[in-house]
Amino acid sequence: MSGETTGVVRGTVTDAAGPVAGVCVYLYTSPAGPASYGTCSQADGSWYLAGVEPGTAYRVGFADPTGRFVTQWWSGAPGGAPTYAGGLAIGAVTAGGDLSGIDARMEDVS
């Protein structure tokens, strides 16, 4: 029986009031390139991407299709504090691994 060849990346999206549903989460190999993977946060703010290819330094973007929140990148800061300049690469995605804590704290547009 062979082992897993892909990994999982997950996190939570919140704002000042608590969990946020419907924020789109994208993994990019380059901030200027197209997204390699994508999903949206659930009612409890959680998001989950399975089948992620290991060995790539992904950056994570968070976008609200309703326009309420500012689009941002994962910063690696505790509590999901945002950054808007391309973000940091997440830790290594490993085959069979589960990379959690990729959280975002969304900020209102106005």
PDB file of N, CA and C in Angstrom:
ATOM      1  N   MET A   1       0.838  -1.170   0.000  1.00  0.00           N
ATOM      2  CA  MET A   1       0.000   0.000   0.000  1.00  0.00           C
ATOM      3  C   MET A   1       0.887   1.239   0.000  1.00  0.00           C
ATOM      4  N   SER A   2       0.658   2.145  -0.920  1.00  0.00           N
ATOM      5  CA  SER A   2       1.486   3.337  -1.009  1.00  0.00           C
ATOM      6  C   SER A   2       0.942   4.434  -0.106  1.00  0.00           C
ATOM      7  N   GLY A   3       1.835   5.346   0.310  1.00  0.00           N
ATOM      8  CA  GLY A   3       1.437   6.451   1.180  1.00  0.00           C
ATOM      9  C   GLY A   3       0.860   7.609   0.385  1.00  0.00           C
ATOM     10  N   GLU A   4       0.442   8.608   1.110  1.00  0.00           N
ATOM     11  CA  GLU A   4      -0.104   9.818   0.496  1.00  0.00           C
ATOM     12  C   GLU A   4       0.977  10.526  -0.311  1.00  0.00           C
ATOM     13  N   THR A   5       0.586  11.101  -1.430  1.00  0.00           N
ATOM     14  CA  THR A   5       1.536  11.843  -2.259  1.00  0.00           C
ATOM     15  C   THR A   5       1.263  13.338  -2.251  1.00  0.00           C
ATOM     16  N   THR A   6       0.177  13.753  -1.613  1.00  0.00           N
ATOM     17  CA  THR A   6      -0.159  15.172  -1.524  1.00  0.00           C
ATOM     18  C   THR A   6      -0.403  15.536  -0.065  1.00  0.00           C
ATOM     19  N   GLY A   7      -0.556  16.828   0.190  1.00  0.00           N
ATOM     20  CA  GLY A   7      -0.781  17.290   1.553  1.00  0.00           C
ATOM     21  C   GLY A   7      -2.052  18.102   1.687  1.00  0.00           C
ATOM     22  N   VAL A   8      -2.295  18.559   2.909  1.00  0.00           N
ATOM     23  CA  VAL A   8      -3.472  19.351   3.260  1.00  0.00           C
ATOM     24  C   VAL A   8      -2.990  20.682   3.829  1.00  0.00           C
ATOM     25  N   VAL A   9      -3.698  21.751   3.482  1.00  0.00           N
ATOM     26  CA  VAL A   9      -3.457  23.072   4.062  1.00  0.00           C
ATOM     27  C   VAL A   9      -4.798  23.558   4.596  1.00  0.00           C
ATOM     28  N   ARG A  10      -4.800  24.143   5.799  1.00  0.00           N
ATOM     29  CA  ARG A  10      -6.066  24.591   6.397  1.00  0.00           C
ATOM     30  C   ARG A  10      -5.846  25.792   7.303  1.00  0.00           C
ATOM     31  N   GLY A  11      -6.953  26.480   7.585  1.00  0.00           N
ATOM     32  CA  GLY A  11      -6.894  27.625   8.483  1.00  0.00           C
ATOM     33  C   GLY A  11      -8.282  28.126   8.804  1.00  0.00           C
ATOM     34  N   THR A  12      -8.342  29.322   9.361  1.00  0.00           N
ATOM     35  CA  THR A  12      -9.600  29.940   9.759  1.00  0.00           C
ATOM     36  C   THR A  12      -9.593  31.408   9.350  1.00  0.00           C
ATOM     37  N   VAL A  13     -10.754  31.889   8.903  1.00  0.00           N
ATOM     38  CA  VAL A  13     -10.924  33.291   8.527  1.00  0.00           C
ATOM     39  C   VAL A  13     -11.843  33.947   9.554  1.00  0.00           C
ATOM     40  N   THR A  14     -11.385  35.064  10.117  1.00  0.00           N
ATOM     41  CA  THR A  14     -12.175  35.811  11.095  1.00  0.00           C
ATOM     42  C   THR A  14     -12.139  37.301  10.753  1.00  0.00           C
ATOM     43  N   ASP A  15     -12.984  38.054  11.446  1.00  0.00           N
ATOM     44  CA  ASP A  15     -12.886  39.509  11.483  1.00  0.00           C
ATOM     45  C   ASP A  15     -13.027  39.910  12.944  1.00  0.00           C
ATOM     46  N   ALA A  16     -13.208  41.181  13.217  1.00  0.00           N
ATOM     47  CA  ALA A  16     -13.294  41.640  14.605  1.00  0.00           C
ATOM     48  C   ALA A  16     -14.464  41.018  15.362  1.00  0.00           C
ATOM     49  N   ALA A  17     -15.501  40.583  14.634  1.00  0.00           N
ATOM     50  CA  ALA A  17     -16.697  40.019  15.270  1.00  0.00           C
ATOM     51  C   ALA A  17     -16.668  38.502  15.419  1.00  0.00           C
ATOM     52  N   GLY A  18     -15.730  37.821  14.758  1.00  0.00           N
ATOM     53  CA  GLY A  18     -15.669  36.364  14.844  1.00  0.00           C
ATOM     54  C   GLY A  18     -15.472  35.709  13.492  1.00  0.00           C
ATOM     55  N   PRO A  19     -15.891  34.441  13.326  1.00  0.00           N
ATOM     56  CA  PRO A  19     -15.689  33.697  12.081  1.00  0.00           C
ATOM     57  C   PRO A  19     -16.381  34.361  10.891  1.00  0.00           C
ATOM     58  N   VAL A  20     -15.758  34.224   9.717  1.00  0.00           N
ATOM     59  CA  VAL A  20     -16.316  34.788   8.487  1.00  0.00           C
ATOM     60  C   VAL A  20     -16.470  33.678   7.453  1.00  0.00           C
ATOM     61  N   ALA A  21     -17.674  33.524   6.934  1.00  0.00           N
ATOM     62  CA  ALA A  21     -17.952  32.554   5.869  1.00  0.00           C
ATOM     63  C   ALA A  21     -17.836  33.226   4.510  1.00  0.00           C
ATOM     64  N   GLY A  22     -17.499  32.432   3.491  1.00  0.00           N
ATOM     65  CA  GLY A  22     -17.545  32.894   2.111  1.00  0.00           C
ATOM     66  C   GLY A  22     -16.335  33.630   1.601  1.00  0.00           C
ATOM     67  N   VAL A  23     -15.268  33.735   2.396  1.00  0.00           N
ATOM     68  CA  VAL A  23     -14.036  34.347   1.907  1.00  0.00           C
ATOM     69  C   VAL A  23     -13.301  33.296   1.080  1.00  0.00           C
ATOM     70  N   CYS A  24     -12.893  33.680  -0.120  1.00  0.00           N
ATOM     71  CA  CYS A  24     -12.179  32.750  -0.999  1.00  0.00           C
ATOM     72  C   CYS A  24     -10.703  32.724  -0.616  1.00  0.00           C
ATOM     73  N   VAL A  25     -10.163  31.524  -0.558  1.00  0.00           N
ATOM     74  CA  VAL A  25      -8.777  31.305  -0.161  1.00  0.00           C
ATOM     75  C   VAL A  25      -8.069  30.643  -1.330  1.00  0.00           C
ATOM     76  N   TYR A  26      -6.942  31.234  -1.749  1.00  0.00           N
ATOM     77  CA  TYR A  26      -6.218  30.735  -2.908  1.00  0.00           C
ATOM     78  C   TYR A  26      -4.760  30.488  -2.559  1.00  0.00           C
ATOM     79  N   LEU A  27      -4.196  29.392  -3.084  1.00  0.00           N
ATOM     80  CA  LEU A  27      -2.769  29.119  -2.971  1.00  0.00           C
ATOM     81  C   LEU A  27      -2.121  29.464  -4.298  1.00  0.00           C
ATOM     82  N   TYR A  28      -1.033  30.234  -4.226  1.00  0.00           N
ATOM     83  CA  TYR A  28      -0.290  30.673  -5.404  1.00  0.00           C
ATOM     84  C   TYR A  28       1.162  30.229  -5.289  1.00  0.00           C
ATOM     85  N   THR A  29       1.779  29.909  -6.418  1.00  0.00           N
ATOM     86  CA  THR A  29       3.220  29.680  -6.420  1.00  0.00           C
ATOM     87  C   THR A  29       3.957  30.998  -6.616  1.00  0.00           C
ATOM     88  N   SER A  30       3.253  32.021  -7.106  1.00  0.00           N
ATOM     89  CA  SER A  30       3.795  33.365  -7.292  1.00  0.00           C
ATOM     90  C   SER A  30       2.664  34.360  -7.066  1.00  0.00           C
ATOM     91  N   PRO A  31       2.917  35.487  -6.368  1.00  0.00           N
ATOM     92  CA  PRO A  31       1.850  36.463  -6.162  1.00  0.00           C
ATOM     93  C   PRO A  31       1.270  37.007  -7.464  1.00  0.00           C
ATOM     94  N   ALA A  32       2.051  36.988  -8.534  1.00  0.00           N
ATOM     95  CA  ALA A  32       1.587  37.527  -9.812  1.00  0.00           C
ATOM     96  C   ALA A  32       0.951  36.463 -10.705  1.00  0.00           C
ATOM     97  N   GLY A  33       1.058  35.200 -10.320  1.00  0.00           N
ATOM     98  CA  GLY A  33       0.565  34.122 -11.169  1.00  0.00           C
ATOM     99  C   GLY A  33      -0.849  33.706 -10.836  1.00  0.00           C
ATOM    100  N   PRO A  34      -1.388  32.778 -11.616  1.00  0.00           N
ATOM    101  CA  PRO A  34      -2.733  32.270 -11.329  1.00  0.00           C
ATOM    102  C   PRO A  34      -2.720  31.370 -10.086  1.00  0.00           C
ATOM    103  N   ALA A  35      -3.868  31.240  -9.459  1.00  0.00           N
ATOM    104  CA  ALA A  35      -3.980  30.381  -8.278  1.00  0.00           C
ATOM    105  C   ALA A  35      -3.820  28.919  -8.670  1.00  0.00           C
ATOM    106  N   SER A  36      -3.120  28.172  -7.838  1.00  0.00           N
ATOM    107  CA  SER A  36      -2.957  26.736  -8.046  1.00  0.00           C
ATOM    108  C   SER A  36      -4.086  25.944  -7.402  1.00  0.00           C
ATOM    109  N   TYR A  37      -4.636  26.462  -6.295  1.00  0.00           N
ATOM    110  CA  TYR A  37      -5.713  25.799  -5.557  1.00  0.00           C
ATOM    111  C   TYR A  37      -6.630  26.872  -4.986  1.00  0.00           C
ATOM    112  N   GLY A  38      -7.882  26.524  -4.743  1.00  0.00           N
ATOM    113  CA  GLY A  38      -8.798  27.488  -4.147  1.00  0.00           C
ATOM    114  C   GLY A  38      -9.975  26.827  -3.455  1.00  0.00           C
ATOM    115  N   THR A  39     -10.525  27.522  -2.472  1.00  0.00           N
ATOM    116  CA  THR A  39     -11.708  27.095  -1.731  1.00  0.00           C
ATOM    117  C   THR A  39     -12.299  28.324  -1.064  1.00  0.00           C
ATOM    118  N   CYS A  40     -13.378  28.169  -0.325  1.00  0.00           N
ATOM    119  CA  CYS A  40     -13.977  29.279   0.429  1.00  0.00           C
ATOM    120  C   CYS A  40     -14.205  28.856   1.876  1.00  0.00           C
ATOM    121  N   SER A  41     -14.160  29.832   2.762  1.00  0.00           N
ATOM    122  CA  SER A  41     -14.357  29.541   4.183  1.00  0.00           C
ATOM    123  C   SER A  41     -15.805  29.152   4.467  1.00  0.00           C
ATOM    124  N   GLN A  42     -15.975  28.287   5.453  1.00  0.00           N
ATOM    125  CA  GLN A  42     -17.283  27.776   5.865  1.00  0.00           C
ATOM    126  C   GLN A  42     -17.916  28.691   6.922  1.00  0.00           C
ATOM    127  N   ALA A  43     -19.101  28.341   7.402  1.00  0.00           N
ATOM    128  CA  ALA A  43     -19.826  29.150   8.388  1.00  0.00           C
ATOM    129  C   ALA A  43     -19.018  29.385   9.664  1.00  0.00           C
ATOM    130  N   ASP A  44     -18.179  28.418  10.038  1.00  0.00           N
ATOM    131  CA  ASP A  44     -17.353  28.574  11.239  1.00  0.00           C
ATOM    132  C   ASP A  44     -16.015  29.245  10.945  1.00  0.00           C
ATOM    133  N   GLY A  45     -15.844  29.743   9.704  1.00  0.00           N
ATOM    134  CA  GLY A  45     -14.624  30.417   9.291  1.00  0.00           C
ATOM    135  C   GLY A  45     -13.528  29.490   8.811  1.00  0.00           C
ATOM    136  N   SER A  46     -13.707  28.188   8.976  1.00  0.00           N
ATOM    137  CA  SER A  46     -12.653  27.244   8.595  1.00  0.00           C
ATOM    138  C   SER A  46     -12.585  27.063   7.083  1.00  0.00           C
ATOM    139  N   TRP A  47     -11.385  26.755   6.604  1.00  0.00           N
ATOM    140  CA  TRP A  47     -11.194  26.387   5.204  1.00  0.00           C
ATOM    141  C   TRP A  47     -10.185  25.248   5.154  1.00  0.00           C
ATOM    142  N   TYR A  48     -10.230  24.493   4.054  1.00  0.00           N
ATOM    143  CA  TYR A  48      -9.474  23.243   3.959  1.00  0.00           C
ATOM    144  C   TYR A  48      -9.180  22.973   2.489  1.00  0.00           C
ATOM    145  N   LEU A  49      -7.926  22.739   2.169  1.00  0.00           N
ATOM    146  CA  LEU A  49      -7.535  22.346   0.814  1.00  0.00           C
ATOM    147  C   LEU A  49      -6.765  21.036   0.885  1.00  0.00           C
ATOM    148  N   ALA A  50      -7.287  20.010   0.246  1.00  0.00           N
ATOM    149  CA  ALA A  50      -6.618  18.710   0.176  1.00  0.00           C
ATOM    150  C   ALA A  50      -6.040  18.541  -1.224  1.00  0.00           C
ATOM    151  N   GLY A  51      -5.137  17.586  -1.378  1.00  0.00           N
ATOM    152  CA  GLY A  51      -4.556  17.301  -2.685  1.00  0.00           C
ATOM    153  C   GLY A  51      -3.505  18.301  -3.116  1.00  0.00           C
ATOM    154  N   VAL A  52      -2.911  19.021  -2.156  1.00  0.00           N
ATOM    155  CA  VAL A  52      -1.910  20.038  -2.467  1.00  0.00           C
ATOM    156  C   VAL A  52      -0.564  19.365  -2.726  1.00  0.00           C
ATOM    157  N   GLU A  53       0.030  19.699  -3.867  1.00  0.00           N
ATOM    158  CA  GLU A  53       1.326  19.119  -4.235  1.00  0.00           C
ATOM    159  C   GLU A  53       2.412  19.597  -3.270  1.00  0.00           C
ATOM    160  N   PRO A  54       3.222  18.682  -2.750  1.00  0.00           N
ATOM    161  CA  PRO A  54       4.289  19.067  -1.827  1.00  0.00           C
ATOM    162  C   PRO A  54       5.491  19.657  -2.563  1.00  0.00           C
ATOM    163  N   GLY A  55       6.382  20.265  -1.781  1.00  0.00           N
ATOM    164  CA  GLY A  55       7.646  20.741  -2.314  1.00  0.00           C
ATOM    165  C   GLY A  55       7.598  22.100  -2.979  1.00  0.00           C
ATOM    166  N   THR A  56       6.514  22.824  -2.846  1.00  0.00           N
ATOM    167  CA  THR A  56       6.384  24.145  -3.451  1.00  0.00           C
ATOM    168  C   THR A  56       6.142  25.174  -2.359  1.00  0.00           C
ATOM    169  N   ALA A  57       6.749  26.343  -2.499  1.00  0.00           N
ATOM    170  CA  ALA A  57       6.532  27.437  -1.545  1.00  0.00           C
ATOM    171  C   ALA A  57       5.298  28.222  -1.977  1.00  0.00           C
ATOM    172  N   TYR A  58       4.171  27.892  -1.404  1.00  0.00           N
ATOM    173  CA  TYR A  58       2.917  28.558  -1.748  1.00  0.00           C
ATOM    174  C   TYR A  58       2.736  29.832  -0.939  1.00  0.00           C
ATOM    175  N   ARG A  59       2.072  30.807  -1.546  1.00  0.00           N
ATOM    176  CA  ARG A  59       1.590  31.988  -0.852  1.00  0.00           C
ATOM    177  C   ARG A  59       0.071  31.873  -0.815  1.00  0.00           C
ATOM    178  N   VAL A  60      -0.554  32.406   0.242  1.00  0.00           N
ATOM    179  CA  VAL A  60      -1.997  32.264   0.406  1.00  0.00           C
ATOM    180  C   VAL A  60      -2.653  33.637   0.350  1.00  0.00           C
ATOM    181  N   GLY A  61      -3.631  33.770  -0.554  1.00  0.00           N
ATOM    182  CA  GLY A  61      -4.395  35.003  -0.677  1.00  0.00           C
ATOM    183  C   GLY A  61      -5.819  34.793  -0.191  1.00  0.00           C
ATOM    184  N   PHE A  62      -6.404  35.840   0.381  1.00  0.00           N
ATOM    185  CA  PHE A  62      -7.776  35.803   0.896  1.00  0.00           C
ATOM    186  C   PHE A  62      -8.564  36.919   0.221  1.00  0.00           C
ATOM    187  N   ALA A  63      -9.648  36.558  -0.459  1.00  0.00           N
ATOM    188  CA  ALA A  63     -10.452  37.541  -1.188  1.00  0.00           C
ATOM    189  C   ALA A  63     -11.930  37.348  -0.874  1.00  0.00           C
ATOM    190  N   ASP A  64     -12.616  38.451  -0.632  1.00  0.00           N
ATOM    191  CA  ASP A  64     -14.044  38.418  -0.338  1.00  0.00           C
ATOM    192  C   ASP A  64     -14.817  38.794  -1.595  1.00  0.00           C
ATOM    193  N   PRO A  65     -15.561  37.854  -2.188  1.00  0.00           N
ATOM    194  CA  PRO A  65     -16.287  38.158  -3.423  1.00  0.00           C
ATOM    195  C   PRO A  65     -17.396  39.194  -3.247  1.00  0.00           C
ATOM    196  N   THR A  66     -17.811  39.471  -2.003  1.00  0.00           N
ATOM    197  CA  THR A  66     -18.855  40.481  -1.783  1.00  0.00           C
ATOM    198  C   THR A  66     -18.285  41.892  -1.747  1.00  0.00           C
ATOM    199  N   GLY A  67     -16.958  42.015  -1.601  1.00  0.00           N
ATOM    200  CA  GLY A  67     -16.324  43.324  -1.554  1.00  0.00           C
ATOM    201  C   GLY A  67     -16.331  43.989  -0.188  1.00  0.00           C
ATOM    202  N   ARG A  68     -16.824  43.302   0.827  1.00  0.00           N
ATOM    203  CA  ARG A  68     -16.861  43.882   2.178  1.00  0.00           C
ATOM    204  C   ARG A  68     -15.466  44.004   2.790  1.00  0.00           C
ATOM    205  N   PHE A  69     -14.613  43.007   2.522  1.00  0.00           N
ATOM    206  CA  PHE A  69     -13.287  42.969   3.122  1.00  0.00           C
ATOM    207  C   PHE A  69     -12.203  43.244   2.094  1.00  0.00           C
ATOM    208  N   VAL A  70     -11.081  43.786   2.578  1.00  0.00           N
ATOM    209  CA  VAL A  70      -9.919  44.047   1.743  1.00  0.00           C
ATOM    210  C   VAL A  70      -9.253  42.714   1.392  1.00  0.00           C
ATOM    211  N   THR A  71      -8.889  42.542   0.125  1.00  0.00           N
ATOM    212  CA  THR A  71      -8.131  41.362  -0.293  1.00  0.00           C
ATOM    213  C   THR A  71      -6.754  41.432   0.360  1.00  0.00           C
ATOM    214  N   GLN A  72      -6.276  40.309   0.862  1.00  0.00           N
ATOM    215  CA  GLN A  72      -5.001  40.303   1.572  1.00  0.00           C
ATOM    216  C   GLN A  72      -4.245  38.999   1.364  1.00  0.00           C
ATOM    217  N   TRP A  73      -2.995  38.997   1.803  1.00  0.00           N
ATOM    218  CA  TRP A  73      -2.115  37.831   1.782  1.00  0.00           C
ATOM    219  C   TRP A  73      -1.864  37.366   3.202  1.00  0.00           C
ATOM    220  N   TRP A  74      -1.573  36.066   3.344  1.00  0.00           N
ATOM    221  CA  TRP A  74      -1.208  35.527   4.650  1.00  0.00           C
ATOM    222  C   TRP A  74       0.139  36.110   5.056  1.00  0.00           C
ATOM    223  N   SER A  75       0.227  36.552   6.317  1.00  0.00           N
ATOM    224  CA  SER A  75       1.436  37.225   6.793  1.00  0.00           C
ATOM    225  C   SER A  75       2.283  36.379   7.729  1.00  0.00           C
ATOM    226  N   GLY A  76       1.700  35.316   8.266  1.00  0.00           N
ATOM    227  CA  GLY A  76       2.414  34.519   9.250  1.00  0.00           C
ATOM    228  C   GLY A  76       2.338  35.097  10.647  1.00  0.00           C
ATOM    229  N   ALA A  77       1.675  36.244  10.815  1.00  0.00           N
ATOM    230  CA  ALA A  77       1.569  36.885  12.125  1.00  0.00           C
ATOM    231  C   ALA A  77       0.525  36.174  12.983  1.00  0.00           C
ATOM    232  N   PRO A  78       0.733  36.132  14.295  1.00  0.00           N
ATOM    233  CA  PRO A  78      -0.261  35.522  15.177  1.00  0.00           C
ATOM    234  C   PRO A  78      -1.627  36.183  15.001  1.00  0.00           C
ATOM    235  N   GLY A  79      -2.664  35.386  15.022  1.00  0.00           N
ATOM    236  CA  GLY A  79      -4.011  35.912  14.882  1.00  0.00           C
ATOM    237  C   GLY A  79      -4.396  36.259  13.463  1.00  0.00           C
ATOM    238  N   GLY A  80      -3.523  35.979  12.497  1.00  0.00           N
ATOM    239  CA  GLY A  80      -3.860  36.217  11.098  1.00  0.00           C
ATOM    240  C   GLY A  80      -3.805  37.669  10.680  1.00  0.00           C
ATOM    241  N   ALA A  81      -2.998  38.501  11.356  1.00  0.00           N
ATOM    242  CA  ALA A  81      -2.876  39.906  10.961  1.00  0.00           C
ATOM    243  C   ALA A  81      -2.502  39.980   9.483  1.00  0.00           C
ATOM    244  N   PRO A  82      -3.124  40.890   8.727  1.00  0.00           N
ATOM    245  CA  PRO A  82      -2.955  40.897   7.276  1.00  0.00           C
ATOM    246  C   PRO A  82      -1.680  41.562   6.786  1.00  0.00           C
ATOM    247  N   THR A  83      -1.355  41.269   5.543  1.00  0.00           N
ATOM    248  CA  THR A  83      -0.344  41.994   4.788  1.00  0.00           C
ATOM    249  C   THR A  83      -0.904  42.154   3.383  1.00  0.00           C
ATOM    250  N   TYR A  84      -0.424  43.163   2.685  1.00  0.00           N
ATOM    251  CA  TYR A  84      -0.968  43.449   1.357  1.00  0.00           C
ATOM    252  C   TYR A  84       0.113  43.447   0.283  1.00  0.00           C
ATOM    253  N   ALA A  85       1.309  42.991   0.616  1.00  0.00           N
ATOM    254  CA  ALA A  85       2.431  43.090  -0.312  1.00  0.00           C
ATOM    255  C   ALA A  85       2.989  41.732  -0.718  1.00  0.00           C
ATOM    256  N   GLY A  86       2.139  40.790  -1.064  1.00  0.00           N
ATOM    257  CA  GLY A  86       2.615  39.504  -1.551  1.00  0.00           C
ATOM    258  C   GLY A  86       2.741  38.420  -0.510  1.00  0.00           C
ATOM    259  N   GLY A  87       2.775  38.782   0.763  1.00  0.00           N
ATOM    260  CA  GLY A  87       2.758  37.797   1.832  1.00  0.00           C
ATOM    261  C   GLY A  87       4.011  36.966   1.952  1.00  0.00           C
ATOM    262  N   LEU A  88       3.989  36.075   2.928  1.00  0.00           N
ATOM    263  CA  LEU A  88       5.071  35.135   3.173  1.00  0.00           C
ATOM    264  C   LEU A  88       4.687  33.776   2.627  1.00  0.00           C
ATOM    265  N   ALA A  89       5.677  32.999   2.254  1.00  0.00           N
ATOM    266  CA  ALA A  89       5.399  31.624   1.851  1.00  0.00           C
ATOM    267  C   ALA A  89       5.034  30.829   3.100  1.00  0.00           C
ATOM    268  N   ILE A  90       4.035  29.951   2.969  1.00  0.00           N
ATOM    269  CA  ILE A  90       3.665  29.094   4.089  1.00  0.00           C
ATOM    270  C   ILE A  90       4.743  28.041   4.279  1.00  0.00           C
ATOM    271  N   GLY A  91       4.725  27.358   5.403  1.00  0.00           N
ATOM    272  CA  GLY A  91       5.676  26.287   5.648  1.00  0.00           C
ATOM    273  C   GLY A  91       5.561  25.200   4.595  1.00  0.00           C
ATOM    274  N   ALA A  92       6.508  24.322   4.568  1.00  0.00           N
ATOM    275  CA  ALA A  92       6.545  23.279   3.548  1.00  0.00           C
ATOM    276  C   ALA A  92       5.334  22.365   3.619  1.00  0.00           C
ATOM    277  N   VAL A  93       4.695  22.190   2.491  1.00  0.00           N
ATOM    278  CA  VAL A  93       3.630  21.201   2.363  1.00  0.00           C
ATOM    279  C   VAL A  93       4.319  19.874   2.100  1.00  0.00           C
ATOM    280  N   THR A  94       4.004  18.865   2.901  1.00  0.00           N
ATOM    281  CA  THR A  94       4.643  17.566   2.752  1.00  0.00           C
ATOM    282  C   THR A  94       3.628  16.513   2.341  1.00  0.00           C
ATOM    283  N   ALA A  95       4.108  15.474   1.681  1.00  0.00           N
ATOM    284  CA  ALA A  95       3.241  14.363   1.294  1.00  0.00           C
ATOM    285  C   ALA A  95       2.665  13.735   2.553  1.00  0.00           C
ATOM    286  N   GLY A  96       1.346  13.663   2.622  1.00  0.00           N
ATOM    287  CA  GLY A  96       0.674  13.111   3.785  1.00  0.00           C
ATOM    288  C   GLY A  96       0.583  14.068   4.957  1.00  0.00           C
ATOM    289  N   GLY A  97       1.147  15.276   4.811  1.00  0.00           N
ATOM    290  CA  GLY A  97       1.158  16.246   5.899  1.00  0.00           C
ATOM    291  C   GLY A  97      -0.112  17.076   5.971  1.00  0.00           C
ATOM    292  N   ASP A  98      -0.303  17.712   7.110  1.00  0.00           N
ATOM    293  CA  ASP A  98      -1.460  18.564   7.363  1.00  0.00           C
ATOM    294  C   ASP A  98      -0.938  19.869   7.947  1.00  0.00           C
ATOM    295  N   LEU A  99      -0.863  20.899   7.115  1.00  0.00           N
ATOM    296  CA  LEU A  99      -0.339  22.199   7.517  1.00  0.00           C
ATOM    297  C   LEU A  99      -1.502  23.079   7.954  1.00  0.00           C
ATOM    298  N   SER A 100      -1.584  23.365   9.245  1.00  0.00           N
ATOM    299  CA  SER A 100      -2.711  24.136   9.780  1.00  0.00           C
ATOM    300  C   SER A 100      -2.228  25.483  10.305  1.00  0.00           C
ATOM    301  N   GLY A 101      -3.176  26.305  10.732  1.00  0.00           N
ATOM    302  CA  GLY A 101      -2.836  27.601  11.303  1.00  0.00           C
ATOM    303  C   GLY A 101      -2.604  28.689  10.274  1.00  0.00           C
ATOM    304  N   ILE A 102      -3.036  28.469   9.045  1.00  0.00           N
ATOM    305  CA  ILE A 102      -2.898  29.487   8.003  1.00  0.00           C
ATOM    306  C   ILE A 102      -4.161  30.355   8.082  1.00  0.00           C
ATOM    307  N   ASP A 103      -4.164  31.242   9.063  1.00  0.00           N
ATOM    308  CA  ASP A 103      -5.352  32.013   9.423  1.00  0.00           C
ATOM    309  C   ASP A 103      -5.299  33.431   8.865  1.00  0.00           C
ATOM    310  N   ALA A 104      -6.480  34.025   8.715  1.00  0.00           N
ATOM    311  CA  ALA A 104      -6.586  35.419   8.268  1.00  0.00           C
ATOM    312  C   ALA A 104      -7.574  36.163   9.144  1.00  0.00           C
ATOM    313  N   ARG A 105      -7.228  37.387   9.484  1.00  0.00           N
ATOM    314  CA  ARG A 105      -8.157  38.295  10.156  1.00  0.00           C
ATOM    315  C   ARG A 105      -8.492  39.389   9.147  1.00  0.00           C
ATOM    316  N   MET A 106      -9.693  39.353   8.621  1.00  0.00           N
ATOM    317  CA  MET A 106     -10.100  40.258   7.557  1.00  0.00           C
ATOM    318  C   MET A 106     -10.397  41.649   8.111  1.00  0.00           C
ATOM    319  N   GLU A 107     -10.138  42.656   7.264  1.00  0.00           N
ATOM    320  CA  GLU A 107     -10.421  44.043   7.615  1.00  0.00           C
ATOM    321  C   GLU A 107     -11.428  44.610   6.633  1.00  0.00           C
ATOM    322  N   ASP A 108     -12.379  45.391   7.137  1.00  0.00           N
ATOM    323  CA  ASP A 108     -13.384  46.017   6.280  1.00  0.00           C
ATOM    324  C   ASP A 108     -12.731  46.967   5.283  1.00  0.00           C
ATOM    325  N   VAL A 109     -13.356  47.082   4.105  1.00  0.00           N
ATOM    326  CA  VAL A 109     -12.860  47.977   3.069  1.00  0.00           C
ATOM    327  C   VAL A 109     -12.869  49.420   3.563  1.00  0.00           C
ATOM    328  N   SER A 110     -13.919  49.827   4.238  1.00  0.00           N
ATOM    329  CA  SER A 110     -13.984  51.229   4.684  1.00  0.00           C
ATOM    330  C   SER A 110     -13.918  51.356   6.179  1.00  0.00           C
TER     331      SER A 110
END
